[in-house]
C-alpha atoms as a PDB file:
ATOM      1  CA  MET A   1    -119.144  64.510 147.884  1.00  0.00           C
ATOM      2  CA  THR A   2    -116.227  63.169 149.961  1.00  0.00           C
ATOM      3  CA  GLY A   3    -116.865  59.634 148.785  1.00  0.00           C
ATOM      4  CA  ALA A   4    -116.886  60.786 145.177  1.00  0.00           C
ATOM      5  CA  ARG A   5    -113.141  61.360 145.367  1.00  0.00           C
ATOM      6  CA  LYS A   6    -112.684  57.593 145.010  1.00  0.00           C
ATOM      7  CA  GLU A   7    -115.054  57.393 142.068  1.00  0.00           C
ATOM      8  CA  ASN A   8    -114.239  57.685 138.400  1.00  0.00           C
ATOM      9  CA  MET A   9    -115.351  60.359 135.998  1.00  0.00           C
ATOM     10  CA  ARG A  10    -115.619  60.520 132.234  1.00  0.00           C
ATOM     11  CA  VAL A  11    -113.150  62.570 130.220  1.00  0.00           C
ATOM     12  CA  ALA A  12    -112.631  63.259 126.526  1.00  0.00           C
ATOM     13  CA  MET A  13    -109.023  62.146 125.987  1.00  0.00           C
ATOM     14  CA  TRP A  14    -107.371  63.816 123.005  1.00  0.00           C
ATOM     15  CA  TYR A  15    -104.952  61.741 120.916  1.00  0.00           C
ATOM     16  CA  SER A  16    -105.432  63.832 117.776  1.00  0.00           C
ATOM     17  CA  ASN A  17    -108.246  65.844 116.199  1.00  0.00           C
ATOM     18  CA  ARG A  18    -109.510  62.627 114.611  1.00  0.00           C
ATOM     19  CA  ASP A  19    -109.017  60.466 117.692  1.00  0.00           C
ATOM     20  CA  ILE A  20    -110.956  61.618 120.767  1.00  0.00           C
ATOM     21  CA  ARG A  21    -111.756  58.801 123.200  1.00  0.00           C
ATOM     22  CA  ILE A  22    -114.216  58.865 126.077  1.00  0.00           C
ATOM     23  CA  GLU A  23    -112.261  57.345 128.940  1.00  0.00           C
ATOM     24  CA  GLU A  24    -112.531  57.084 132.696  1.00  0.00           C
ATOM     25  CA  MET A  25    -110.106  58.369 135.275  1.00  0.00           C
ATOM     26  CA  PRO A  26    -110.339  59.021 139.019  1.00  0.00           C
ATOM     27  CA  ILE A  27    -112.012  62.212 140.154  1.00  0.00           C
ATOM     28  CA  PRO A  28    -109.097  64.374 141.359  1.00  0.00           C
ATOM     29  CA  GLU A  29    -108.456  64.603 145.067  1.00  0.00           C
ATOM     30  CA  ILE A  30    -107.989  68.144 146.272  1.00  0.00           C
ATOM     31  CA  GLY A  31    -105.513  69.465 148.781  1.00  0.00           C
ATOM     32  CA  PRO A  32    -105.425  72.524 151.052  1.00  0.00           C
ATOM     33  CA  ARG A  33    -106.634  75.781 149.474  1.00  0.00           C
ATOM     34  CA  GLU A  34    -107.940  73.933 146.378  1.00  0.00           C
ATOM     35  CA  LEU A  35    -111.387  73.508 144.888  1.00  0.00           C
ATOM     36  CA  LEU A  36    -113.095  70.658 143.080  1.00  0.00           C
ATOM     37  CA  VAL A  37    -115.450  71.986 140.399  1.00  0.00           C
ATOM     38  CA  ARG A  38    -118.089  69.951 138.592  1.00  0.00           C
ATOM     39  CA  VAL A  39    -117.856  71.116 134.990  1.00  0.00           C
ATOM     40  CA  GLU A  40    -121.241  71.811 133.440  1.00  0.00           C
ATOM     41  CA  ALA A  41    -120.133  73.367 130.146  1.00  0.00           C
ATOM     42  CA  SER A  42    -116.790  73.571 128.372  1.00  0.00           C
ATOM     43  CA  GLY A  43    -116.062  75.386 125.115  1.00  0.00           C
ATOM     44  CA  ILE A  44    -113.816  74.027 122.374  1.00  0.00           C
ATOM     45  CA  CYS A  45    -111.247  76.706 121.537  1.00  0.00           C
ATOM     46  CA  GLY A  46    -109.531  77.117 118.196  1.00  0.00           C
ATOM     47  CA  SER A  47    -106.237  76.504 119.988  1.00  0.00           C
ATOM     48  CA  ASP A  48    -107.527  73.082 121.079  1.00  0.00           C
ATOM     49  CA  VAL A  49    -107.411  71.891 117.458  1.00  0.00           C
ATOM     50  CA  MET A  50    -103.848  73.117 116.741  1.00  0.00           C
ATOM     51  CA  GLU A  51    -102.294  69.657 116.419  1.00  0.00           C
ATOM     52  CA  TRP A  52     -98.759  70.969 115.822  1.00  0.00           C
ATOM     53  CA  TYR A  53     -98.921  72.568 119.265  1.00  0.00           C
ATOM     54  CA  ARG A  54    -100.008  69.450 121.169  1.00  0.00           C
ATOM     55  CA  LEU A  55     -99.295  66.169 119.386  1.00  0.00           C
ATOM     56  CA  ASP A  56     -95.957  65.624 121.120  1.00  0.00           C
ATOM     57  CA  ARG A  57     -97.764  65.749 124.488  1.00  0.00           C
ATOM     58  CA  ALA A  58    -100.737  63.507 123.638  1.00  0.00           C
ATOM     59  CA  PRO A  59    -102.789  61.962 125.110  1.00  0.00           C
ATOM     60  CA  LEU A  60    -104.261  64.983 126.895  1.00  0.00           C
ATOM     61  CA  VAL A  61    -107.491  66.133 128.468  1.00  0.00           C
ATOM     62  CA  LEU A  62    -107.859  69.574 126.910  1.00  0.00           C
ATOM     63  CA  GLY A  63    -110.384  72.304 127.648  1.00  0.00           C
ATOM     64  CA  HIS A  64    -109.927  75.635 129.408  1.00  0.00           C
ATOM     65  CA  GLU A  65    -113.210  77.520 128.848  1.00  0.00           C
ATOM     66  CA  ILE A  66    -115.430  76.300 131.664  1.00  0.00           C
ATOM     67  CA  GLY A  67    -118.527  77.003 133.695  1.00  0.00           C
ATOM     68  CA  GLY A  68    -119.323  74.801 136.662  1.00  0.00           C
ATOM     69  CA  GLN A  69    -120.211  74.379 140.311  1.00  0.00           C
ATOM     70  CA  VAL A  70    -117.989  74.078 143.381  1.00  0.00           C
ATOM     71  CA  VAL A  71    -118.543  70.646 144.940  1.00  0.00           C
ATOM     72  CA  VAL A  72    -115.621  70.313 147.380  1.00  0.00           C
ATOM     73  CA  VAL A  73    -113.800  73.101 149.214  1.00  0.00           C
ATOM     74  CA  GLY A  74    -110.274  72.415 150.428  1.00  0.00           C
ATOM     75  CA  LYS A  75    -109.026  73.214 153.909  1.00  0.00           C
ATOM     76  CA  GLY A  76    -108.015  76.846 154.229  1.00  0.00           C
ATOM     77  CA  VAL A  77    -110.077  78.109 151.271  1.00  0.00           C
ATOM     78  CA  LYS A  78    -111.784  81.377 152.114  1.00  0.00           C
ATOM     79  CA  GLY A  79    -114.498  83.070 150.133  1.00  0.00           C
ATOM     80  CA  TYR A  80    -115.933  80.044 148.323  1.00  0.00           C
ATOM     81  CA  LYS A  81    -118.450  77.419 149.369  1.00  0.00           C
ATOM     82  CA  GLU A  82    -120.031  74.290 148.009  1.00  0.00           C
ATOM     83  CA  GLY A  83    -122.784  74.888 145.497  1.00  0.00           C
ATOM     84  CA  GLU A  84    -121.449  78.195 144.144  1.00  0.00           C
ATOM     85  CA  ARG A  85    -121.526  78.659 140.385  1.00  0.00           C
ATOM     86  CA  VAL A  86    -118.129  79.655 139.020  1.00  0.00           C
ATOM     87  CA  SER A  87    -115.783  79.963 136.102  1.00  0.00           C
ATOM     88  CA  ALA A  88    -112.014  79.768 136.453  1.00  0.00           C
ATOM     89  CA  ALA A  89    -108.807  80.786 134.715  1.00  0.00           C
ATOM     90  CA  HIS A  90    -106.570  77.867 133.776  1.00  0.00           C
ATOM     91  CA  HIS A  91    -103.471  80.111 133.627  1.00  0.00           C
ATOM     92  CA  VAL A  92    -102.702  82.651 136.376  1.00  0.00           C
ATOM     93  CA  PRO A  93     -99.646  84.877 136.943  1.00  0.00           C
ATOM     94  CA  CYS A  94     -97.470  85.189 140.035  1.00  0.00           C
ATOM     95  CA  ASN A  95     -97.898  88.992 140.182  1.00  0.00           C
ATOM     96  CA  THR A  96     -94.368  89.422 141.576  1.00  0.00           C
ATOM     97  CA  CYS A  97     -91.944  88.650 138.720  1.00  0.00           C
ATOM     98  CA  TYR A  98     -90.256  91.040 136.290  1.00  0.00           C
ATOM     99  CA  TYR A  99     -93.001  90.636 133.698  1.00  0.00           C
ATOM    100  CA  CYS A 100     -95.909  91.005 136.119  1.00  0.00           C
ATOM    101  CA  ARG A 101     -94.425  94.126 137.684  1.00  0.00           C
ATOM    102  CA  ARG A 102     -94.247  95.693 134.210  1.00  0.00           C
ATOM    103  CA  GLY A 103     -97.912  94.859 133.499  1.00  0.00           C
ATOM    104  CA  HIS A 104     -97.179  91.914 131.192  1.00  0.00           C
ATOM    105  CA  GLN A 105     -98.841  89.182 133.273  1.00  0.00           C
ATOM    106  CA  THR A 106     -99.312  86.861 130.297  1.00  0.00           C
ATOM    107  CA  MET A 107     -95.539  86.742 129.816  1.00  0.00           C
ATOM    108  CA  CYS A 108     -95.148  85.370 133.372  1.00  0.00           C
ATOM    109  CA  ASP A 109     -93.455  81.956 133.653  1.00  0.00           C
ATOM    110  CA  THR A 110     -95.917  80.951 136.382  1.00  0.00           C
ATOM    111  CA  LEU A 111     -98.885  81.750 134.134  1.00  0.00           C
ATOM    112  CA  ARG A 112     -97.478  79.446 131.463  1.00  0.00           C
ATOM    113  CA  ARG A 113     -97.029  76.572 133.926  1.00  0.00           C
ATOM    114  CA  THR A 114    -100.381  76.713 135.721  1.00  0.00           C
ATOM    115  CA  ASN A 115    -103.384  74.689 134.573  1.00  0.00           C
ATOM    116  CA  PHE A 116    -106.434  72.688 135.596  1.00  0.00           C
ATOM    117  CA  ASP A 117    -106.259  69.035 136.622  1.00  0.00           C
ATOM    118  CA  PRO A 118    -106.945  67.366 134.270  1.00  0.00           C
ATOM    119  CA  GLY A 119    -108.676  69.768 131.833  1.00  0.00           C
ATOM    120  CA  GLY A 120    -112.089  71.181 131.053  1.00  0.00           C
ATOM    121  CA  PHE A 121    -113.253  68.267 128.873  1.00  0.00           C
ATOM    122  CA  ALA A 122    -113.875  66.279 132.028  1.00  0.00           C
ATOM    123  CA  GLN A 123    -116.760  65.989 134.452  1.00  0.00           C
ATOM    124  CA  TYR A 124    -114.670  67.423 137.299  1.00  0.00           C
ATOM    125  CA  VAL A 125    -111.536  69.553 137.561  1.00  0.00           C
ATOM    126  CA  ARG A 126    -109.213  70.276 140.452  1.00  0.00           C
ATOM    127  CA  VAL A 127    -108.460  73.981 140.657  1.00  0.00           C
ATOM    128  CA  PRO A 128    -104.985  74.431 142.202  1.00  0.00           C
ATOM    129  CA  ALA A 129    -104.446  76.810 145.107  1.00  0.00           C
ATOM    130  CA  ILE A 130    -102.754  79.514 143.039  1.00  0.00           C
ATOM    131  CA  ASN A 131    -105.697  79.519 140.622  1.00  0.00           C
ATOM    132  CA  VAL A 132    -108.159  79.646 143.501  1.00  0.00           C
ATOM    133  CA  GLY A 133    -106.300  82.638 144.895  1.00  0.00           C
ATOM    134  CA  GLN A 134    -106.792  84.862 141.864  1.00  0.00           C
ATOM    135  CA  GLY A 135    -108.478  82.966 139.052  1.00  0.00           C
ATOM    136  CA  VAL A 136    -111.925  81.819 140.227  1.00  0.00           C
ATOM    137  CA  PHE A 137    -114.927  83.993 139.369  1.00  0.00           C
ATOM    138  CA  ARG A 138    -118.431  83.675 140.777  1.00  0.00           C
ATOM    139  CA  LEU A 139    -121.130  83.687 138.136  1.00  0.00           C
ATOM    140  CA  PRO A 140    -123.977  86.182 138.536  1.00  0.00           C
ATOM    141  CA  ASP A 141    -127.429  84.611 138.616  1.00  0.00           C
ATOM    142  CA  GLU A 142    -128.178  85.903 135.112  1.00  0.00           C
ATOM    143  CA  THR A 143    -125.021  84.352 133.599  1.00  0.00           C
ATOM    144  CA  SER A 144    -125.449  80.735 132.476  1.00  0.00           C
ATOM    145  CA  TYR A 145    -122.792  78.033 132.477  1.00  0.00           C
ATOM    146  CA  GLU A 146    -122.595  78.132 128.700  1.00  0.00           C
ATOM    147  CA  GLU A 147    -122.145  81.912 128.726  1.00  0.00           C
ATOM    148  CA  ALA A 148    -119.352  81.384 131.256  1.00  0.00           C
ATOM    149  CA  THR A 149    -117.398  79.467 128.625  1.00  0.00           C
ATOM    150  CA  PHE A 150    -116.945  82.777 126.780  1.00  0.00           C
ATOM    151  CA  ILE A 151    -115.202  84.533 129.682  1.00  0.00           C
ATOM    152  CA  GLU A 152    -111.724  83.258 128.797  1.00  0.00           C
ATOM    153  CA  PRO A 153    -111.867  83.915 125.022  1.00  0.00           C
ATOM    154  CA  LEU A 154    -113.445  87.344 125.536  1.00  0.00           C
ATOM    155  CA  ALA A 155    -110.755  88.157 128.118  1.00  0.00           C
ATOM    156  CA  CYS A 156    -108.106  87.342 125.503  1.00  0.00           C
ATOM    157  CA  VAL A 157    -109.895  89.574 122.987  1.00  0.00           C
ATOM    158  CA  LEU A 158    -110.049  92.382 125.551  1.00  0.00           C
ATOM    159  CA  ARG A 159    -106.314  92.188 126.116  1.00  0.00           C
ATOM    160  CA  GLY A 160    -105.705  92.124 122.366  1.00  0.00           C
ATOM    161  CA  GLN A 161    -107.686  95.284 121.775  1.00  0.00           C
ATOM    162  CA  LYS A 162    -105.930  96.986 124.675  1.00  0.00           C
ATOM    163  CA  MET A 163    -102.569  96.064 123.151  1.00  0.00           C
ATOM    164  CA  ALA A 164    -103.808  97.508 119.841  1.00  0.00           C
ATOM    165  CA  ASN A 165    -105.060 100.688 121.550  1.00  0.00           C
ATOM    166  CA  MET A 166    -108.539 100.260 120.087  1.00  0.00           C
ATOM    167  CA  GLN A 167    -110.407 103.584 120.303  1.00  0.00           C
ATOM    168  CA  SER A 168    -113.994 104.693 119.885  1.00  0.00           C
ATOM    169  CA  GLY A 169    -114.350 106.068 116.376  1.00  0.00           C
ATOM    170  CA  ASP A 170    -111.790 103.736 114.809  1.00  0.00           C
ATOM    171  CA  SER A 171    -112.456 101.896 111.588  1.00  0.00           C
ATOM    172  CA  VAL A 172    -111.711  98.175 112.002  1.00  0.00           C
ATOM    173  CA  LEU A 173    -111.002  95.378 109.534  1.00  0.00           C
ATOM    174  CA  ILE A 174    -111.210  91.838 110.900  1.00  0.00           C
ATOM    175  CA  ILE A 175    -109.490  89.187 108.806  1.00  0.00           C
ATOM    176  CA  GLY A 176    -110.911  85.810 109.794  1.00  0.00           C
ATOM    177  CA  SER A 177    -114.478  85.644 111.116  1.00  0.00           C
ATOM    178  CA  GLY A 178    -114.360  82.565 113.316  1.00  0.00           C
ATOM    179  CA  ILE A 179    -115.155  82.764 117.018  1.00  0.00           C
ATOM    180  CA  ALA A 180    -112.168  85.009 117.806  1.00  0.00           C
ATOM    181  CA  GLY A 181    -112.906  87.343 114.922  1.00  0.00           C
ATOM    182  CA  LEU A 182    -116.573  87.591 115.843  1.00  0.00           C
ATOM    183  CA  LEU A 183    -115.757  88.339 119.478  1.00  0.00           C
ATOM    184  CA  HIS A 184    -113.370  91.050 118.288  1.00  0.00           C
ATOM    185  CA  LEU A 185    -116.131  92.372 116.050  1.00  0.00           C
ATOM    186  CA  GLN A 186    -118.669  92.555 118.859  1.00  0.00           C
ATOM    187  CA  LEU A 187    -116.242  94.082 121.344  1.00  0.00           C
ATOM    188  CA  ALA A 188    -115.160  96.708 118.803  1.00  0.00           C
ATOM    189  CA  ARG A 189    -118.806  97.496 118.177  1.00  0.00           C
ATOM    190  CA  ALA A 190    -119.460  97.805 121.935  1.00  0.00           C
ATOM    191  CA  THR A 191    -116.408 100.065 122.253  1.00  0.00           C
ATOM    192  CA  GLY A 192    -117.766 102.433 119.615  1.00  0.00           C
ATOM    193  CA  ALA A 193    -115.945 101.560 116.399  1.00  0.00           C
ATOM    194  CA  ARG A 194    -116.987 103.873 113.567  1.00  0.00           C
ATOM    195  CA  ARG A 195    -117.038 101.163 110.914  1.00  0.00           C
ATOM    196  CA  ILE A 196    -116.370  97.411 111.102  1.00  0.00           C
ATOM    197  CA  MET A 197    -115.508  95.290 108.068  1.00  0.00           C
ATOM    198  CA  ALA A 198    -114.689  91.583 107.901  1.00  0.00           C
ATOM    199  CA  THR A 199    -113.343  88.871 105.622  1.00  0.00           C
ATOM    200  CA  ASP A 200    -113.374  85.086 105.671  1.00  0.00           C
ATOM    201  CA  LEU A 201    -113.236  82.065 103.377  1.00  0.00           C
ATOM    202  CA  SER A 202    -116.564  80.736 104.697  1.00  0.00           C
ATOM    203  CA  ASP A 203    -119.871  82.160 103.511  1.00  0.00           C
ATOM    204  CA  PHE A 204    -121.451  80.835 106.714  1.00  0.00           C
ATOM    205  CA  ARG A 205    -119.086  82.912 108.832  1.00  0.00           C
ATOM    206  CA  LEU A 206    -119.438  85.979 106.640  1.00  0.00           C
ATOM    207  CA  LYS A 207    -123.198  85.843 107.194  1.00  0.00           C
ATOM    208  CA  ALA A 208    -122.509  85.612 110.934  1.00  0.00           C
ATOM    209  CA  ALA A 209    -120.206  88.644 110.729  1.00  0.00           C
ATOM    210  CA  LYS A 210    -123.008  90.601 109.080  1.00  0.00           C
ATOM    211  CA  ARG A 211    -125.457  89.447 111.722  1.00  0.00           C
ATOM    212  CA  PHE A 212    -123.150  90.554 114.540  1.00  0.00           C
ATOM    213  CA  GLY A 213    -122.557  94.028 113.184  1.00  0.00           C
ATOM    214  CA  ALA A 214    -120.082  94.134 110.295  1.00  0.00           C
ATOM    215  CA  GLU A 215    -121.146  96.840 107.859  1.00  0.00           C
ATOM    216  CA  VAL A 216    -119.213  95.308 104.956  1.00  0.00           C
ATOM    217  CA  THR A 217    -117.954  91.772 104.392  1.00  0.00           C
ATOM    218  CA  TRP A 218    -115.836  90.230 101.657  1.00  0.00           C
ATOM    219  CA  HIS A 219    -114.952  86.703 100.757  1.00  0.00           C
ATOM    220  CA  ALA A 220    -111.185  86.519 101.252  1.00  0.00           C
ATOM    221  CA  ARG A 221    -110.672  85.751  97.541  1.00  0.00           C
ATOM    222  CA  ASP A 222    -112.513  88.943  96.564  1.00  0.00           C
ATOM    223  CA  TYR A 223    -110.968  91.317  99.098  1.00  0.00           C
ATOM    224  CA  SER A 224    -108.469  94.001  98.100  1.00  0.00           C
ATOM    225  CA  PRO A 225    -107.184  97.238  99.662  1.00  0.00           C
ATOM    226  CA  ASP A 226    -108.908  99.111  96.836  1.00  0.00           C
ATOM    227  CA  ARG A 227    -112.262  97.649  97.860  1.00  0.00           C
ATOM    228  CA  LEU A 228    -111.477  98.598 101.442  1.00  0.00           C
ATOM    229  CA  ARG A 229    -110.907 102.220 100.403  1.00  0.00           C
ATOM    230  CA  GLN A 230    -114.195 102.238  98.496  1.00  0.00           C
ATOM    231  CA  ALA A 231    -116.043 101.075 101.610  1.00  0.00           C
ATOM    232  CA  ASN A 232    -114.163 103.332 104.036  1.00  0.00           C
ATOM    233  CA  ASP A 233    -114.430 106.856 102.619  1.00  0.00           C
ATOM    234  CA  GLY A 234    -111.247 106.537 100.569  1.00  0.00           C
ATOM    235  CA  TYR A 235    -109.034 105.427 103.457  1.00  0.00           C
ATOM    236  CA  LEU A 236    -107.457 102.205 104.589  1.00  0.00           C
ATOM    237  CA  THR A 237    -108.406 101.154 108.116  1.00  0.00           C
ATOM    238  CA  ASP A 238    -107.253 102.337 111.543  1.00  0.00           C
ATOM    239  CA  LEU A 239    -107.042  98.847 113.020  1.00  0.00           C
ATOM    240  CA  VAL A 240    -106.592  95.473 111.337  1.00  0.00           C
ATOM    241  CA  ILE A 241    -107.159  92.406 113.527  1.00  0.00           C
ATOM    242  CA  VAL A 242    -105.804  89.194 112.027  1.00  0.00           C
ATOM    243  CA  CYS A 243    -107.572  86.123 113.441  1.00  0.00           C
ATOM    244  CA  THR A 244    -105.979  83.545 111.170  1.00  0.00           C
ATOM    245  CA  GLY A 245    -102.408  82.342 110.821  1.00  0.00           C
ATOM    246  CA  ALA A 246    -102.527  82.247 107.019  1.00  0.00           C
ATOM    247  CA  THR A 247     -99.572  84.096 105.529  1.00  0.00           C
ATOM    248  CA  ALA A 248    -101.766  85.608 102.810  1.00  0.00           C
ATOM    249  CA  ALA A 249    -103.965  87.148 105.503  1.00  0.00           C
ATOM    250  CA  ILE A 250    -100.984  88.726 107.261  1.00  0.00           C
ATOM    251  CA  LYS A 251     -99.745  90.199 103.983  1.00  0.00           C
ATOM    252  CA  GLN A 252    -103.253  91.564 103.305  1.00  0.00           C
ATOM    253  CA  ALA A 253    -103.288  93.148 106.754  1.00  0.00           C
ATOM    254  CA  LEU A 254    -100.031  94.995 106.158  1.00  0.00           C
ATOM    255  CA  GLN A 255    -101.474  96.356 102.908  1.00  0.00           C
ATOM    256  CA  SER A 256    -104.718  97.421 104.574  1.00  0.00           C
ATOM    257  CA  VAL A 257    -103.641  99.556 107.528  1.00  0.00           C
ATOM    258  CA  GLU A 258    -103.812 103.348 107.293  1.00  0.00           C
ATOM    259  CA  ARG A 259    -100.968 105.655 108.296  1.00  0.00           C
ATOM    260  CA  GLY A 260    -100.878 105.874 112.087  1.00  0.00           C
ATOM    261  CA  GLY A 261    -102.868 102.648 112.339  1.00  0.00           C
ATOM    262  CA  THR A 262    -102.249  99.295 114.001  1.00  0.00           C
ATOM    263  CA  VAL A 263    -102.120  95.653 112.905  1.00  0.00           C
ATOM    264  CA  LEU A 264    -102.918  93.144 115.672  1.00  0.00           C
ATOM    265  CA  LEU A 265    -101.722  89.597 114.955  1.00  0.00           C
ATOM    266  CA  PHE A 266    -104.108  87.629 117.148  1.00  0.00           C
ATOM    267  CA  ALA A 267    -103.518  84.118 115.786  1.00  0.00           C
ATOM    268  CA  PRO A 268    -100.281  82.118 115.478  1.00  0.00           C
ATOM    269  CA  THR A 269     -98.920  80.770 112.228  1.00  0.00           C
ATOM    270  CA  GLU A 270     -97.746  77.217 111.656  1.00  0.00           C
ATOM    271  CA  PRO A 271     -94.282  76.544 113.120  1.00  0.00           C
ATOM    272  CA  GLY A 272     -91.369  77.840 111.076  1.00  0.00           C
ATOM    273  CA  VAL A 273     -93.382  80.342 109.045  1.00  0.00           C
ATOM    274  CA  SER A 274     -91.668  83.652 108.293  1.00  0.00           C
ATOM    275  CA  ILE A 275     -93.258  86.721 106.744  1.00  0.00           C
ATOM    276  CA  PRO A 276     -90.943  88.986 104.719  1.00  0.00           C
ATOM    277  CA  ILE A 277     -91.722  92.643 105.433  1.00  0.00           C
ATOM    278  CA  SER A 278     -90.422  95.669 103.590  1.00  0.00           C
ATOM    279  CA  LEU A 279     -89.626  98.040 106.451  1.00  0.00           C
ATOM    280  CA  ASN A 280     -89.585 101.047 104.128  1.00  0.00           C
ATOM    281  CA  GLU A 281     -92.915 100.303 102.472  1.00  0.00           C
ATOM    282  CA  VAL A 282     -94.779  99.243 105.615  1.00  0.00           C
ATOM    283  CA  PHE A 283     -93.287 101.248 108.472  1.00  0.00           C
ATOM    284  CA  TRP A 284     -91.080 104.125 107.348  1.00  0.00           C
ATOM    285  CA  ARG A 285     -92.983 107.422 107.399  1.00  0.00           C
ATOM    286  CA  THR A 286     -96.253 105.642 108.253  1.00  0.00           C
ATOM    287  CA  ASP A 287     -96.202 105.337 112.076  1.00  0.00           C
ATOM    288  CA  VAL A 288     -97.844 101.923 111.667  1.00  0.00           C
ATOM    289  CA  THR A 289     -97.747  99.690 114.744  1.00  0.00           C
ATOM    290  CA  LEU A 290     -97.489  95.898 114.451  1.00  0.00           C
ATOM    291  CA  THR A 291     -98.352  94.083 117.676  1.00  0.00           C
ATOM    292  CA  THR A 292     -99.365  90.695 119.046  1.00  0.00           C
ATOM    293  CA  SER A 293    -101.340  89.444 122.015  1.00  0.00           C
ATOM    294  CA  TYR A 294    -101.237  86.269 124.082  1.00  0.00           C
ATOM    295  CA  GLY A 295    -103.647  85.112 126.773  1.00  0.00           C
ATOM    296  CA  ALA A 296    -105.356  87.206 129.436  1.00  0.00           C
ATOM    297  CA  SER A 297    -104.803  88.406 132.995  1.00  0.00           C
ATOM    298  CA  PRO A 298    -107.224  87.939 135.921  1.00  0.00           C
ATOM    299  CA  ASP A 299    -108.289  91.572 135.494  1.00  0.00           C
ATOM    300  CA  ASP A 300    -109.189  90.806 131.871  1.00  0.00           C
ATOM    301  CA  TYR A 301    -111.325  87.876 133.055  1.00  0.00           C
ATOM    302  CA  ARG A 302    -113.181  90.101 135.503  1.00  0.00           C
ATOM    303  CA  ALA A 303    -113.798  92.729 132.828  1.00  0.00           C
ATOM    304  CA  ALA A 304    -115.000  90.071 130.359  1.00  0.00           C
ATOM    305  CA  LEU A 305    -117.452  88.671 132.902  1.00  0.00           C
ATOM    306  CA  GLU A 306    -118.847  92.157 133.521  1.00  0.00           C
ATOM    307  CA  ILE A 307    -119.324  92.688 129.780  1.00  0.00           C
ATOM    308  CA  ILE A 308    -121.119  89.358 129.401  1.00  0.00           C
ATOM    309  CA  GLN A 309    -123.285  90.009 132.460  1.00  0.00           C
ATOM    310  CA  ALA A 310    -124.275  93.420 131.099  1.00  0.00           C
ATOM    311  CA  GLY A 311    -125.159  91.928 127.706  1.00  0.00           C
ATOM    312  CA  ARG A 312    -122.781  94.263 125.855  1.00  0.00           C
ATOM    313  CA  VAL A 313    -121.504  91.248 123.913  1.00  0.00           C
ATOM    314  CA  PRO A 314    -124.415  88.788 123.389  1.00  0.00           C
ATOM    315  CA  VAL A 315    -122.355  85.627 123.482  1.00  0.00           C
ATOM    316  CA  ARG A 316    -125.215  83.155 123.711  1.00  0.00           C
ATOM    317  CA  GLN A 317    -126.207  84.025 120.127  1.00  0.00           C
ATOM    318  CA  MET A 318    -122.804  82.755 118.972  1.00  0.00           C
ATOM    319  CA  ILE A 319    -123.386  79.160 120.094  1.00  0.00           C
ATOM    320  CA  THR A 320    -124.077  76.931 117.109  1.00  0.00           C
ATOM    321  CA  HIS A 321    -123.604  73.491 118.665  1.00  0.00           C
ATOM    322  CA  ARG A 322    -124.249  72.020 122.117  1.00  0.00           C
ATOM    323  CA  LEU A 323    -122.979  68.456 122.353  1.00  0.00           C
ATOM    324  CA  PRO A 324    -122.751  65.846 125.121  1.00  0.00           C
ATOM    325  CA  LEU A 325    -119.267  64.785 126.211  1.00  0.00           C
ATOM    326  CA  ALA A 326    -119.712  61.530 124.280  1.00  0.00           C
ATOM    327  CA  GLU A 327    -119.750  63.557 121.042  1.00  0.00           C
ATOM    328  CA  ALA A 328    -116.505  65.413 121.768  1.00  0.00           C
ATOM    329  CA  GLY A 329    -114.967  63.896 118.632  1.00  0.00           C
ATOM    330  CA  ARG A 330    -117.679  65.447 116.492  1.00  0.00           C
ATOM    331  CA  GLY A 331    -117.125  68.755 118.257  1.00  0.00           C
ATOM    332  CA  PHE A 332    -113.433  68.735 117.420  1.00  0.00           C
ATOM    333  CA  GLN A 333    -114.205  67.966 113.789  1.00  0.00           C
ATOM    334  CA  LEU A 334    -116.623  70.884 113.615  1.00  0.00           C
ATOM    335  CA  VAL A 335    -114.071  73.315 115.059  1.00  0.00           C
ATOM    336  CA  ALA A 336    -111.194  71.964 112.952  1.00  0.00           C
ATOM    337  CA  ALA A 337    -113.263  72.236 109.753  1.00  0.00           C
ATOM    338  CA  ALA A 338    -113.849  75.954 110.485  1.00  0.00           C
ATOM    339  CA  ASP A 339    -116.865  76.066 108.207  1.00  0.00           C
ATOM    340  CA  ASP A 340    -120.430  75.748 109.513  1.00  0.00           C
ATOM    341  CA  SER A 341    -119.841  76.280 113.220  1.00  0.00           C
ATOM    342  CA  ILE A 342    -119.057  79.294 115.382  1.00  0.00           C
ATOM    343  CA  LYS A 343    -119.013  78.165 119.007  1.00  0.00           C
ATOM    344  CA  VAL A 344    -119.132  74.495 119.982  1.00  0.00           C
ATOM    345  CA  ILE A 345    -119.835  73.679 123.635  1.00  0.00           C
ATOM    346  CA  LEU A 346    -119.588  70.325 125.376  1.00  0.00           C
ATOM    347  CA  GLU A 347    -122.161  69.666 128.091  1.00  0.00           C
ATOM    348  CA  THR A 348    -119.864  67.502 130.167  1.00  0.00           C
ATOM    349  CA  GLN A 349    -122.427  65.999 132.544  1.00  0.00           C
ATOM    350  CA  LYS A 350    -124.433  64.528 129.645  1.00  0.00           C
END
C-alpha cells in the first residue's frame, strides 16, 4: 500500500446540496501515530445537508459516519494492524481541559477542532494521531461496515438520552421521525420505555416509527396535547425528544411535557431563530427540565458499538438506500428531501 500514497482517490466534493461533484485528490499521506483507513461505507447524516452550517466553507469533503479497513499503520502506532476492520470518531476530546474534567467532553475545544482528512465521502481517510489514540474502534466479526456507520449517530443519541435522564418506565414522545428520531425510539424501547409515541410530517416515516416500536403515531398536523393525554392514560409525557428544528415542533414539545418531565432539544434551528417561552406557564411549579445535547464522547461510541453488536438496536433494518459514491448527489437529495428515505449509505469503493 506504500505506493498507493502517490495515487489519487475519488471523493464526493460538496459545493451545495444540489452540487456534489465526484473529483480526484491524492490519497492522504500519514505521519507517525496515524492510520490510513480505506472507507467501505459512509452514512449521510442530517447535519451533512444543513447548508446554512457549511456553505461558507465549501467546497468540502463531508462524511463522518464510517466503517472501513486499516491499510497503512503509521510509525509508533500500537494496537492496530493492517487489515483490521474499524470505525472511527471524527471528533475526539483532549480529556484534560476544564470541560473534559467536568464530564462535558463534547464541549471541549479540541473535540470541535479534530476531524478526518479529508472526510468520510472519500475512498480513504487519514485518521490523525489524537483520533487514533482514543477514537478508533475495532469492529466485531458480526458487525458489518454498513452497521458501523450507525455507531456515531447512535452514540449521539445515547448521550442525548443520558442528558435527558431517560429512565425505564418513562413515557416518551418523539417529535420528528427521521433517522435521529427512529434511533431515539429504538434506544428508548431497548431501555424499557413504558410507552413510545411519535409524530412526523411524512407518512413514510410514521409507518417506519410504527414498525420500529411506536405504539401511537400522529401526523404533525393532527397532533395535539389532548390527543397525547388520550393515548397516555390522561397524562402528558415524561420525556419529549425533539428531532427537528421547526419552531412549531419546539412549541408543541413545551405543551406536551408532564410535570417533572424533560424536553430534549436534539436538533438545531435555523440561525437567528428565537423561541419565546413563558417561564411561569412552562417552568414555574412544574419542575420541567429543558436540555440540549451535542455530539458524543469516546465512551458513548464504545457503548453504541456494544448495543449494535448485541442487536439491541437493529440498525440494518433502518437502511433504505445503498448507493455508490458516484451517486452521492442523489443521496444528498434523498436526505435533504426528508421524505421517502431513512438511512442513506454510500458504498465508497463502488
